[in-house]
Structure formats: C-alpha cells, structure tokens
C-alpha cells in the first residue's frame, strides 16, 4: 500500500501523541481513517528506512481478508495497492535497516 501515483511513496502517519508507538499510530490510522479491521492484519516484517527522516516500514499479511482490506484501501483516495514488482524502484531509493533507531 502506497500513496499517490508513480513514483510511489510509502504511507506516512504523523505522530499525534508521545504515548503512542509508531505501530499503534499506523493501526489506528488504518482503522479510523481507512476503515480496515485491524484484527485482520498480521505483522510479518518491520524495517527502518533511513534518509532525510527516519521512517518505519511495516509489512502486514492480509491473505485471509485480502478482498475486504483492498476494497477499504481502494475506497480511500489517498492509498493505492500495487504489485510488489512495481515497488522495486521505490525500495531502491531508500536505505533499510532491520534494527530500530533510538534517539
């Protein structure tokens, strides 16, 4: 799931409160703003993106609920599902690290 048209960008959610984790913010955004049943999501992988600003990349599995999740995201005009092959260029534009950053 990315934002906009090619060249794609990763979905980014602004931090509202210091008490929420980045994962909690992402799940809240998907639930409240997009309408996705977050109980259908399974976190498969977590990576950190380095660059101008540090960003967390979450990879969720939605196999059993794919149609519902994709329909909800497609209804949101800001989000778009793209095939993994289309993301190769996007992944080449960032440096990734699987270890979390501490400030």
N, C-alpha and C. Protein backbone atom coordinates (compact mmCIF):
# COMPACT_ATOMS: atom_id res chain seq x y z
N UNK A 1 0.84 -1.15 0.00
CA UNK A 1 0.00 0.00 0.00
C UNK A 1 0.90 1.23 0.00
N UNK A 2 0.67 2.10 -0.94
CA UNK A 2 1.48 3.30 -1.09
C UNK A 2 0.55 4.49 -1.29
N UNK A 3 1.13 5.68 -1.33
CA UNK A 3 0.33 6.87 -1.58
C UNK A 3 0.64 7.40 -2.97
N UNK A 4 -0.38 7.99 -3.60
CA UNK A 4 -0.20 8.64 -4.88
C UNK A 4 0.04 7.69 -6.04
N UNK A 5 0.40 8.28 -7.15
CA UNK A 5 0.73 7.53 -8.35
C UNK A 5 2.25 7.48 -8.48
N UNK A 6 2.71 6.69 -9.46
CA UNK A 6 4.16 6.57 -9.67
C UNK A 6 4.75 7.95 -9.91
N UNK A 7 5.88 8.31 -9.33
CA UNK A 7 6.67 7.49 -8.42
C UNK A 7 6.00 7.39 -7.05
N UNK A 8 5.89 6.19 -6.56
CA UNK A 8 5.16 5.92 -5.32
C UNK A 8 5.94 6.38 -4.10
N UNK A 9 5.19 6.61 -3.03
CA UNK A 9 5.78 6.94 -1.75
C UNK A 9 5.17 6.03 -0.70
N UNK A 10 5.94 5.77 0.35
CA UNK A 10 5.42 4.96 1.45
C UNK A 10 4.40 5.76 2.23
N UNK A 11 3.39 5.08 2.73
CA UNK A 11 2.40 5.71 3.59
C UNK A 11 3.08 6.19 4.86
N UNK A 12 2.83 7.43 5.24
CA UNK A 12 3.42 8.00 6.44
C UNK A 12 2.30 8.59 7.29
N UNK A 13 2.35 8.32 8.58
CA UNK A 13 1.35 8.82 9.51
C UNK A 13 2.05 9.70 10.53
N UNK A 14 1.57 10.93 10.67
CA UNK A 14 2.18 11.86 11.62
C UNK A 14 1.88 11.45 13.05
N UNK A 15 2.87 11.63 13.89
CA UNK A 15 2.73 11.27 15.30
C UNK A 15 1.85 12.30 16.00
N UNK A 16 0.82 11.82 16.70
CA UNK A 16 -0.10 12.70 17.41
C UNK A 16 0.32 12.90 18.85
N UNK A 17 0.66 11.82 19.51
CA UNK A 17 1.00 11.88 20.92
C UNK A 17 2.28 11.10 21.18
N UNK A 18 3.00 11.50 22.19
CA UNK A 18 4.23 10.80 22.55
C UNK A 18 3.95 9.45 23.18
N UNK A 19 2.71 9.19 23.58
CA UNK A 19 2.39 7.95 24.27
C UNK A 19 2.13 6.79 23.32
N UNK A 20 1.95 7.06 22.05
CA UNK A 20 1.65 6.00 21.08
C UNK A 20 2.92 5.52 20.40
N UNK A 21 2.99 4.22 20.17
CA UNK A 21 4.08 3.68 19.36
C UNK A 21 3.75 3.93 17.90
N UNK A 22 4.75 3.82 17.05
CA UNK A 22 4.53 4.01 15.61
C UNK A 22 3.55 2.96 15.09
N UNK A 23 3.68 1.73 15.58
CA UNK A 23 2.76 0.67 15.16
C UNK A 23 1.33 1.00 15.59
N UNK A 24 1.16 1.49 16.81
CA UNK A 24 -0.18 1.85 17.29
C UNK A 24 -0.78 2.97 16.43
N UNK A 25 0.04 3.94 16.06
CA UNK A 25 -0.45 5.02 15.20
C UNK A 25 -0.88 4.50 13.84
N UNK A 26 -0.08 3.60 13.26
CA UNK A 26 -0.41 3.05 11.95
C UNK A 26 -1.71 2.25 12.01
N UNK A 27 -1.83 1.40 13.03
CA UNK A 27 -3.05 0.60 13.16
C UNK A 27 -4.27 1.49 13.39
N UNK A 28 -4.11 2.54 14.21
CA UNK A 28 -5.21 3.46 14.46
C UNK A 28 -5.62 4.17 13.17
N UNK A 29 -4.63 4.59 12.37
CA UNK A 29 -4.92 5.25 11.10
C UNK A 29 -5.69 4.30 10.16
N UNK A 30 -5.21 3.07 10.05
CA UNK A 30 -5.87 2.11 9.17
C UNK A 30 -7.29 1.82 9.64
N UNK A 31 -7.49 1.79 10.93
CA UNK A 31 -8.82 1.51 11.49
C UNK A 31 -9.76 2.71 11.38
N UNK A 32 -9.30 3.87 11.86
CA UNK A 32 -10.16 5.05 11.94
C UNK A 32 -10.32 5.78 10.60
N UNK A 33 -9.24 5.96 9.87
CA UNK A 33 -9.28 6.76 8.64
C UNK A 33 -9.60 5.95 7.40
N UNK A 34 -9.18 4.69 7.38
CA UNK A 34 -9.38 3.86 6.19
C UNK A 34 -10.55 2.90 6.38
N UNK A 35 -10.80 2.47 7.63
CA UNK A 35 -11.89 1.55 7.89
C UNK A 35 -11.51 0.09 7.85
N UNK A 36 -10.21 -0.20 7.92
CA UNK A 36 -9.73 -1.58 7.89
C UNK A 36 -9.91 -2.21 9.27
N UNK A 37 -10.42 -3.43 9.30
CA UNK A 37 -10.50 -4.19 10.54
C UNK A 37 -9.08 -4.65 10.86
N UNK A 38 -8.43 -4.00 11.81
CA UNK A 38 -7.03 -4.28 12.09
C UNK A 38 -6.81 -5.66 12.71
N UNK A 39 -7.87 -6.31 13.15
CA UNK A 39 -7.74 -7.69 13.63
C UNK A 39 -7.41 -8.63 12.48
N UNK A 40 -7.61 -8.17 11.24
CA UNK A 40 -7.32 -8.97 10.05
C UNK A 40 -5.86 -8.89 9.64
N UNK A 41 -5.12 -7.97 10.22
CA UNK A 41 -3.73 -7.76 9.83
C UNK A 41 -2.79 -8.55 10.72
N UNK A 42 -1.77 -9.12 10.10
CA UNK A 42 -0.73 -9.84 10.83
C UNK A 42 0.61 -9.23 10.45
N UNK A 43 1.31 -8.69 11.44
CA UNK A 43 2.60 -8.07 11.18
C UNK A 43 3.61 -9.15 10.80
N UNK A 44 4.16 -9.04 9.60
CA UNK A 44 5.10 -10.04 9.10
C UNK A 44 6.55 -9.56 9.19
N UNK A 45 6.75 -8.26 9.00
CA UNK A 45 8.11 -7.75 8.97
C UNK A 45 8.12 -6.27 9.35
N UNK A 46 9.23 -5.86 9.94
CA UNK A 46 9.41 -4.48 10.36
C UNK A 46 10.80 -4.05 9.92
N UNK A 47 10.88 -2.89 9.31
CA UNK A 47 12.18 -2.35 8.90
C UNK A 47 12.18 -0.85 9.13
N UNK A 48 13.36 -0.30 9.24
CA UNK A 48 13.53 1.14 9.38
C UNK A 48 14.09 1.68 8.08
N UNK A 49 13.53 2.80 7.62
CA UNK A 49 14.01 3.46 6.43
C UNK A 49 14.87 4.63 6.85
N UNK A 50 16.07 4.70 6.31
CA UNK A 50 16.97 5.82 6.61
C UNK A 50 16.85 6.83 5.49
N UNK A 51 17.22 8.03 5.78
CA UNK A 51 17.17 9.09 4.77
C UNK A 51 17.00 10.42 5.44
N UNK A 52 16.28 11.35 4.76
CA UNK A 52 16.05 12.67 5.32
C UNK A 52 15.38 12.56 6.69
N UNK A 53 14.43 11.66 6.79
CA UNK A 53 13.77 11.41 8.07
C UNK A 53 13.63 9.91 8.26
N UNK A 54 13.82 9.46 9.48
CA UNK A 54 13.70 8.04 9.76
C UNK A 54 12.22 7.66 9.73
N UNK A 55 11.93 6.54 9.13
CA UNK A 55 10.54 6.11 8.98
C UNK A 55 10.48 4.60 9.17
N UNK A 56 9.40 4.13 9.76
CA UNK A 56 9.21 2.71 9.97
C UNK A 56 8.38 2.13 8.84
N UNK A 57 8.79 0.98 8.34
CA UNK A 57 8.06 0.29 7.29
C UNK A 57 7.49 -1.00 7.88
N UNK A 58 6.18 -1.14 7.83
CA UNK A 58 5.51 -2.34 8.32
C UNK A 58 5.05 -3.17 7.13
N UNK A 59 5.22 -4.48 7.23
CA UNK A 59 4.70 -5.39 6.21
C UNK A 59 3.67 -6.27 6.91
N UNK A 60 2.42 -6.14 6.47
CA UNK A 60 1.33 -6.91 7.05
C UNK A 60 0.88 -7.99 6.08
N UNK A 61 0.46 -9.11 6.61
CA UNK A 61 -0.16 -10.17 5.83
C UNK A 61 -1.67 -9.99 5.91
N UNK A 62 -2.35 -10.07 4.76
CA UNK A 62 -3.80 -9.93 4.73
C UNK A 62 -4.45 -11.07 3.94
N UNK A 63 -3.76 -12.18 3.80
CA UNK A 63 -4.19 -13.26 2.92
C UNK A 63 -5.65 -13.67 3.11
N UNK A 64 -6.07 -13.91 4.33
CA UNK A 64 -7.42 -14.40 4.58
C UNK A 64 -8.49 -13.33 4.42
N UNK A 65 -8.08 -12.07 4.37
CA UNK A 65 -9.04 -10.96 4.32
C UNK A 65 -8.69 -9.98 3.20
N UNK A 66 -8.01 -10.47 2.19
CA UNK A 66 -7.47 -9.60 1.14
C UNK A 66 -8.54 -8.74 0.47
N UNK A 67 -9.64 -9.33 0.06
CA UNK A 67 -10.67 -8.57 -0.67
C UNK A 67 -11.21 -7.41 0.15
N UNK A 68 -11.52 -7.66 1.42
CA UNK A 68 -12.07 -6.61 2.27
C UNK A 68 -11.06 -5.50 2.51
N UNK A 69 -9.82 -5.85 2.83
CA UNK A 69 -8.80 -4.85 3.11
C UNK A 69 -8.50 -4.02 1.86
N UNK A 70 -8.35 -4.67 0.73
CA UNK A 70 -8.06 -3.96 -0.53
C UNK A 70 -9.22 -3.04 -0.88
N UNK A 71 -10.46 -3.49 -0.71
CA UNK A 71 -11.63 -2.67 -1.02
C UNK A 71 -11.65 -1.41 -0.14
N UNK A 72 -11.38 -1.57 1.15
CA UNK A 72 -11.36 -0.41 2.06
C UNK A 72 -10.27 0.57 1.66
N UNK A 73 -9.10 0.08 1.33
CA UNK A 73 -7.99 0.95 0.97
C UNK A 73 -8.24 1.62 -0.38
N UNK A 74 -8.83 0.91 -1.32
CA UNK A 74 -9.11 1.50 -2.62
C UNK A 74 -10.19 2.57 -2.52
N UNK A 75 -11.07 2.44 -1.53
CA UNK A 75 -12.11 3.45 -1.32
C UNK A 75 -11.50 4.76 -0.84
N UNK A 76 -10.38 4.68 -0.14
CA UNK A 76 -9.65 5.85 0.33
C UNK A 76 -8.82 6.37 -0.84
N UNK A 77 -9.10 7.58 -1.28
CA UNK A 77 -8.45 8.14 -2.47
C UNK A 77 -6.95 8.36 -2.32
N UNK A 78 -6.45 8.37 -1.08
CA UNK A 78 -5.03 8.64 -0.86
C UNK A 78 -4.15 7.40 -0.99
N UNK A 79 -4.77 6.22 -0.91
CA UNK A 79 -4.00 4.98 -0.87
C UNK A 79 -4.17 4.17 -2.14
N UNK A 80 -3.16 3.35 -2.41
CA UNK A 80 -3.22 2.52 -3.61
C UNK A 80 -2.45 1.23 -3.34
N UNK A 81 -3.01 0.10 -3.77
CA UNK A 81 -2.29 -1.17 -3.71
C UNK A 81 -1.59 -1.36 -5.04
N UNK A 82 -0.33 -1.74 -4.98
CA UNK A 82 0.43 -2.00 -6.20
C UNK A 82 1.14 -3.34 -6.05
N UNK A 83 1.43 -3.95 -7.17
CA UNK A 83 2.15 -5.22 -7.17
C UNK A 83 3.58 -5.00 -6.67
N UNK A 84 4.11 -6.01 -6.02
CA UNK A 84 5.45 -5.92 -5.46
C UNK A 84 6.47 -5.54 -6.54
N UNK A 85 6.31 -6.05 -7.73
CA UNK A 85 7.26 -5.75 -8.80
C UNK A 85 7.34 -4.25 -9.07
N UNK A 86 6.24 -3.52 -8.85
CA UNK A 86 6.23 -2.09 -9.09
C UNK A 86 6.96 -1.32 -7.99
N UNK A 87 7.24 -1.97 -6.88
CA UNK A 87 7.87 -1.30 -5.76
C UNK A 87 9.39 -1.40 -5.76
N UNK A 88 9.95 -2.18 -6.67
CA UNK A 88 11.39 -2.35 -6.70
C UNK A 88 12.11 -1.01 -6.81
N UNK A 89 11.64 -0.12 -7.65
CA UNK A 89 12.26 1.19 -7.79
C UNK A 89 12.15 1.97 -6.49
N UNK A 90 11.00 1.89 -5.83
CA UNK A 90 10.81 2.59 -4.57
C UNK A 90 11.77 2.07 -3.51
N UNK A 91 11.92 0.75 -3.43
CA UNK A 91 12.83 0.18 -2.44
C UNK A 91 14.29 0.53 -2.72
N UNK A 92 14.62 0.78 -3.98
CA UNK A 92 16.00 1.15 -4.32
C UNK A 92 16.32 2.59 -3.93
N UNK A 93 15.29 3.39 -3.62
CA UNK A 93 15.52 4.79 -3.30
C UNK A 93 15.77 5.02 -1.81
N UNK A 94 15.64 3.97 -1.01
CA UNK A 94 15.82 4.13 0.44
C UNK A 94 16.82 3.12 0.96
N UNK A 95 17.45 3.48 2.07
CA UNK A 95 18.33 2.56 2.77
C UNK A 95 17.53 1.97 3.91
N UNK A 96 17.54 0.65 4.04
CA UNK A 96 16.76 -0.01 5.08
C UNK A 96 17.65 -0.66 6.11
N UNK A 97 17.11 -0.74 7.31
CA UNK A 97 17.79 -1.39 8.41
C UNK A 97 16.73 -2.10 9.22
N UNK A 98 17.00 -3.34 9.61
CA UNK A 98 16.01 -4.07 10.39
C UNK A 98 16.12 -3.79 11.88
N UNK A 99 17.13 -3.06 12.29
CA UNK A 99 17.28 -2.71 13.71
C UNK A 99 16.60 -1.37 13.96
N UNK A 100 15.90 -1.23 15.08
CA UNK A 100 15.23 0.05 15.36
C UNK A 100 16.23 1.15 15.67
N UNK A 101 15.82 2.39 15.41
CA UNK A 101 16.64 3.55 15.73
C UNK A 101 16.24 4.07 17.10
N UNK A 102 17.22 4.47 17.88
CA UNK A 102 16.94 5.07 19.18
C UNK A 102 17.50 6.49 19.15
N UNK A 103 16.70 7.46 19.60
CA UNK A 103 17.14 8.86 19.59
C UNK A 103 17.61 9.28 20.94
